[in-house]
N, C-alpha and C. Protein backbone atom coordinates (compact mmCIF):
# COMPACT_ATOMS: atom_id res chain seq x y z
N MET A 1 -12.27 -9.15 -7.07
CA MET A 1 -12.08 -8.29 -6.94
C MET A 1 -10.93 -8.66 -8.27
N ALA A 2 -10.45 -7.15 -8.91
CA ALA A 2 -9.37 -7.52 -10.16
C ALA A 2 -8.53 -7.55 -9.67
N GLY A 3 -7.82 -7.09 -10.48
CA GLY A 3 -6.23 -6.91 -9.28
C GLY A 3 -6.22 -5.10 -9.93
N ASN A 4 -5.84 -5.15 -10.79
CA ASN A 4 -6.06 -3.32 -11.41
C ASN A 4 -6.55 -2.83 -11.05
N SER A 5 -8.63 -3.66 -10.39
CA SER A 5 -8.63 -2.39 -9.92
C SER A 5 -8.08 -1.91 -8.11
N LEU A 6 -7.93 -2.92 -7.46
CA LEU A 6 -6.69 -3.46 -6.60
C LEU A 6 -5.84 -2.17 -5.92
N LEU A 7 -5.20 -2.92 -7.15
CA LEU A 7 -3.88 -1.61 -7.06
C LEU A 7 -4.46 0.06 -7.58
N GLU A 8 -5.25 -0.66 -8.01
CA GLU A 8 -5.39 1.46 -8.23
C GLU A 8 -6.01 1.51 -7.38
N ARG A 9 -6.72 1.39 -6.36
CA ARG A 9 -7.07 1.88 -5.31
C ARG A 9 -5.85 2.30 -3.89
N ILE A 10 -5.11 1.33 -4.37
CA ILE A 10 -3.40 1.71 -3.36
C ILE A 10 -2.87 2.71 -3.77
N LYS A 11 -3.28 2.88 -5.16
CA LYS A 11 -2.17 3.52 -5.64
C LYS A 11 -3.41 5.31 -5.28
N ARG A 12 -4.08 5.55 -5.63
CA ARG A 12 -4.66 6.42 -5.03
C ARG A 12 -4.55 6.71 -3.38
N LEU A 13 -4.22 4.94 -2.88
CA LEU A 13 -4.93 5.41 -1.35
C LEU A 13 -3.79 6.34 -1.04
N VAL A 14 -2.42 5.58 -1.47
CA VAL A 14 -0.83 6.20 -1.34
C VAL A 14 -0.66 7.39 -1.47
N VAL A 15 -1.28 7.75 -2.59
CA VAL A 15 -1.43 9.77 -3.13
C VAL A 15 -2.97 10.75 -1.67
N ASP A 16 -3.23 9.72 -1.36
CA ASP A 16 -3.98 10.59 -0.41
C ASP A 16 -3.43 10.77 0.77
N ALA A 17 -2.97 9.40 1.77
CA ALA A 17 -2.42 9.00 3.35
C ALA A 17 -0.73 9.71 3.17
N LEU A 18 0.13 10.48 2.11
CA LEU A 18 1.30 10.53 2.33
C LEU A 18 1.42 12.07 1.32
N GLU A 19 -0.13 12.81 0.45
CA GLU A 19 -0.18 13.59 0.30
C GLU A 19 0.93 14.19 -0.79
N LEU A 20 0.83 13.53 -1.78
CA LEU A 20 2.07 12.89 -2.58
C LEU A 20 1.86 14.55 -4.07
N GLY A 21 0.47 14.94 -4.09
CA GLY A 21 0.47 16.15 -5.33
C GLY A 21 0.19 15.61 -6.46
N VAL A 22 0.48 14.16 -6.89
CA VAL A 22 0.31 13.58 -8.23
C VAL A 22 -0.40 12.74 -8.57
N GLN A 23 -1.14 12.34 -9.90
CA GLN A 23 -1.77 11.47 -9.90
C GLN A 23 -1.51 10.27 -10.01
N PRO A 24 -2.88 9.14 -9.42
CA PRO A 24 -2.53 8.16 -8.66
C PRO A 24 -1.54 6.79 -10.04
N ASP A 25 -2.16 7.51 -10.93
CA ASP A 25 -2.33 6.46 -12.33
C ASP A 25 -1.36 6.89 -12.83
N GLY A 26 -0.31 7.82 -12.44
CA GLY A 26 1.43 8.53 -12.67
C GLY A 26 2.48 7.44 -12.50
N LEU A 27 1.44 6.97 -11.29
CA LEU A 27 2.36 6.29 -10.13
C LEU A 27 2.84 4.29 -10.94
N PRO A 28 4.14 4.12 -10.96
CA PRO A 28 4.16 3.12 -11.40
C PRO A 28 4.31 2.10 -10.44
N ASP A 29 3.46 0.84 -10.94
CA ASP A 29 3.61 -0.45 -9.57
C ASP A 29 4.41 -0.46 -9.62
N ASP A 30 5.68 -0.68 -9.78
CA ASP A 30 6.82 -0.81 -9.46
C ASP A 30 7.83 -0.41 -8.34
N LEU A 31 6.96 1.26 -8.73
CA LEU A 31 7.61 2.01 -7.90
C LEU A 31 7.99 2.43 -6.30
N ASP A 32 9.55 2.23 -6.26
CA ASP A 32 10.43 1.86 -5.27
C ASP A 32 10.17 2.46 -3.76
N LEU A 33 9.74 2.42 -3.33
CA LEU A 33 9.09 3.71 -1.90
C LEU A 33 10.26 3.95 -0.50
N THR A 34 11.10 2.90 -1.15
CA THR A 34 11.84 2.96 0.67
C THR A 34 13.30 2.96 0.34
N THR A 35 13.98 3.48 -1.23
CA THR A 35 14.97 3.69 -1.30
C THR A 35 14.82 4.98 -1.87
N GLY A 36 14.62 5.93 -1.14
CA GLY A 36 15.20 7.56 -1.93
C GLY A 36 14.72 7.54 -3.06
N GLY A 37 13.80 6.94 -3.91
CA GLY A 37 13.90 7.48 -5.64
C GLY A 37 12.38 8.55 -5.45
N THR A 38 11.65 8.37 -6.62
CA THR A 38 11.16 10.10 -6.50
C THR A 38 10.24 9.88 -4.96
N VAL A 39 9.48 8.59 -4.95
CA VAL A 39 8.67 8.55 -3.41
C VAL A 39 9.31 8.10 -2.24
N GLU A 40 10.08 8.48 -0.73
CA GLU A 40 10.37 7.51 -0.02
C GLU A 40 9.67 7.73 1.01
N ILE A 41 9.13 6.80 1.86
CA ILE A 41 8.87 6.62 2.93
C ILE A 41 9.29 6.44 3.51
N ASP A 42 9.24 7.21 5.16
CA ASP A 42 9.78 6.84 6.64
C ASP A 42 8.76 6.35 7.15
N SER A 43 9.40 5.81 8.76
CA SER A 43 8.15 4.92 9.92
C SER A 43 7.38 5.67 10.09
N ILE A 44 6.90 6.73 9.89
CA ILE A 44 5.89 7.34 10.48
C ILE A 44 4.70 7.26 9.41
N GLU A 45 5.59 7.63 7.95
CA GLU A 45 4.38 7.57 6.98
C GLU A 45 4.25 5.48 6.99
N VAL A 46 5.00 4.81 6.71
CA VAL A 46 4.16 3.51 6.68
C VAL A 46 3.18 3.44 7.97
N VAL A 47 2.98 3.93 9.14
CA VAL A 47 1.81 4.00 9.74
C VAL A 47 0.64 4.12 9.20
N ALA A 48 1.43 5.61 8.55
CA ALA A 48 -0.20 6.08 7.79
C ALA A 48 -0.49 4.93 7.19
N LEU A 49 -0.04 4.37 6.37
CA LEU A 49 -0.39 3.37 5.38
C LEU A 49 -1.37 2.69 5.65
N VAL A 50 -0.33 1.68 7.36
CA VAL A 50 -0.99 0.94 7.42
C VAL A 50 -2.46 1.00 8.55
N LEU A 51 -1.93 2.08 8.11
CA LEU A 51 -3.63 2.33 8.42
C LEU A 51 -4.40 3.09 7.97
N ALA A 52 -4.92 3.57 7.06
CA ALA A 52 -4.82 3.15 5.82
C ALA A 52 -6.01 2.70 4.82
N LEU A 53 -4.61 1.43 4.54
CA LEU A 53 -5.16 -0.21 4.37
C LEU A 53 -6.59 -0.83 5.67
N GLU A 54 -6.10 -0.60 6.55
CA GLU A 54 -6.84 -1.12 7.35
C GLU A 54 -8.37 -0.19 6.92
N HIS A 55 -8.45 0.48 6.66
CA HIS A 55 -9.83 1.30 6.32
C HIS A 55 -10.43 1.12 6.19
N GLU A 56 -9.40 1.10 4.76
CA GLU A 56 -9.88 0.81 3.93
C GLU A 56 -10.50 -0.12 3.23
N PHE A 57 -10.16 -1.38 3.09
CA PHE A 57 -10.38 -2.44 3.09
C PHE A 57 -10.36 -3.55 3.47
N ARG A 58 -10.52 -3.23 5.62
CA ARG A 58 -11.24 -3.49 6.34
C ARG A 58 -10.72 -4.81 6.30
N ILE A 59 -9.18 -4.56 6.71
CA ILE A 59 -9.00 -5.68 7.04
C ILE A 59 -7.85 -5.37 8.25
N LYS A 60 -7.16 -6.37 9.67
CA LYS A 60 -6.68 -6.42 10.25
C LYS A 60 -4.81 -6.50 10.08
N LEU A 61 -3.60 -5.84 9.89
CA LEU A 61 -2.87 -5.87 10.03
C LEU A 61 -1.92 -6.23 10.91
N GLN A 62 -1.14 -7.81 11.63
CA GLN A 62 -0.19 -8.20 12.01
C GLN A 62 0.69 -7.81 12.26
N ASP A 63 1.87 -8.12 13.33
CA ASP A 63 3.01 -7.37 14.08
C ASP A 63 4.25 -7.88 12.48
N GLU A 64 3.42 -8.74 11.72
CA GLU A 64 4.50 -10.14 10.41
C GLU A 64 4.03 -9.13 9.23
N ASP A 65 2.68 -8.56 9.26
CA ASP A 65 2.66 -7.61 8.56
C ASP A 65 3.51 -6.81 8.11
N LEU A 66 4.24 -6.41 8.80
CA LEU A 66 4.54 -5.05 8.70
C LEU A 66 6.09 -4.98 8.75
N ASP A 67 6.78 -6.45 8.49
CA ASP A 67 7.72 -5.91 7.85
C ASP A 67 7.82 -4.50 6.69
N LEU A 68 9.09 -4.91 6.56
CA LEU A 68 9.51 -3.42 5.63
C LEU A 68 8.75 -3.52 3.71
N SER A 69 9.49 -5.01 3.69
CA SER A 69 9.45 -5.60 1.82
C SER A 69 7.83 -5.14 1.74
N ASN A 70 6.98 -5.57 2.78
CA ASN A 70 5.18 -5.69 2.15
C ASN A 70 5.63 -4.31 2.05
N PHE A 71 5.98 -2.99 1.70
CA PHE A 71 5.79 -1.64 1.74
C PHE A 71 6.46 -1.03 1.23
N SER A 72 7.17 -1.65 0.57
CA SER A 72 8.31 -1.02 -0.64
C SER A 72 8.14 -1.29 -1.95
N THR A 73 6.84 -1.26 -2.13
CA THR A 73 6.21 -0.44 -3.65
C THR A 73 4.87 -0.94 -3.33
N LEU A 74 4.54 -0.35 -4.60
CA LEU A 74 3.06 -0.27 -5.11
C LEU A 74 1.99 -1.99 -4.91
N SER A 75 3.06 -2.66 -5.72
CA SER A 75 2.80 -4.12 -5.63
C SER A 75 3.15 -5.08 -4.77
N ALA A 76 3.48 -4.68 -4.32
CA ALA A 76 3.86 -5.50 -2.88
C ALA A 76 2.86 -5.31 -1.86
N MET A 77 2.41 -3.97 -1.64
CA MET A 77 1.05 -3.50 -1.00
C MET A 77 -0.02 -4.52 -1.49
N ALA A 78 -0.37 -4.36 -2.75
CA ALA A 78 -1.06 -5.58 -3.42
C ALA A 78 -1.52 -6.65 -2.99
N ALA A 79 -0.97 -7.46 -2.93
CA ALA A 79 -0.10 -8.78 -2.67
C ALA A 79 -0.27 -8.79 -1.19
N LEU A 80 -0.52 -7.87 -0.73
CA LEU A 80 -0.38 -8.23 1.13
C LEU A 80 -1.69 -7.98 1.25
N VAL A 81 -2.47 -6.59 0.92
CA VAL A 81 -4.04 -6.37 0.41
C VAL A 81 -4.91 -8.06 0.51
N GLN A 82 -4.01 -8.55 -0.85
CA GLN A 82 -4.97 -9.94 -1.80
C GLN A 82 -5.20 -10.53 -1.00
N LYS A 83 -3.81 -10.35 0.11
CA LYS A 83 -3.72 -11.94 1.13
C LYS A 83 -4.19 -11.85 2.39
N LYS A 84 -4.36 -10.42 2.52
CA LYS A 84 -5.39 -10.15 4.10
C LYS A 84 -6.76 -10.42 3.78
N LEU A 85 -6.74 -10.29 2.32
CA LEU A 85 -8.32 -10.00 1.73
C LEU A 85 -8.72 -11.46 1.47
N GLY A 86 -7.92 -12.55 1.59
CA GLY A 86 -7.92 -14.45 1.37
C GLY A 86 -8.07 -14.10 2.99
N GLU A 87 -7.23 -14.04 3.60
CA GLU A 87 -7.23 -14.59 5.18
C GLU A 87 -8.81 -14.57 5.02
N LYS A 88 -9.39 -12.76 5.08
CA LYS A 88 -10.33 -12.86 5.56
C LYS A 88 -11.97 -13.49 5.24
N ASP A 89 -11.72 -14.00 3.62
CA ASP A 89 -12.96 -14.59 3.72
C ASP A 89 -12.58 -15.96 4.21
N ARG A 90 -11.40 -16.35 4.96
CA ARG A 90 -11.85 -18.00 5.21
C ARG A 90 -13.03 -17.80 6.46
């Protein structure tokens, strides 16, 4: 799976899960989701993203994966998913 298609899937997932009402391709890869920028997620939305990521990519996130830094940007989420997909393939 190419990195760009993974990131595009995550953008679409974030837009849908958080009901942002914007086009996924309009979101920059480094969009900060945790410090009150254009989009800011709270703890409930992190839970929604965790569930959506697990469902979409058929992965299981562990407690240690739930660090807010893994959800701070779209690129960080893509790196987390890529890591979990790699673990799943072992």
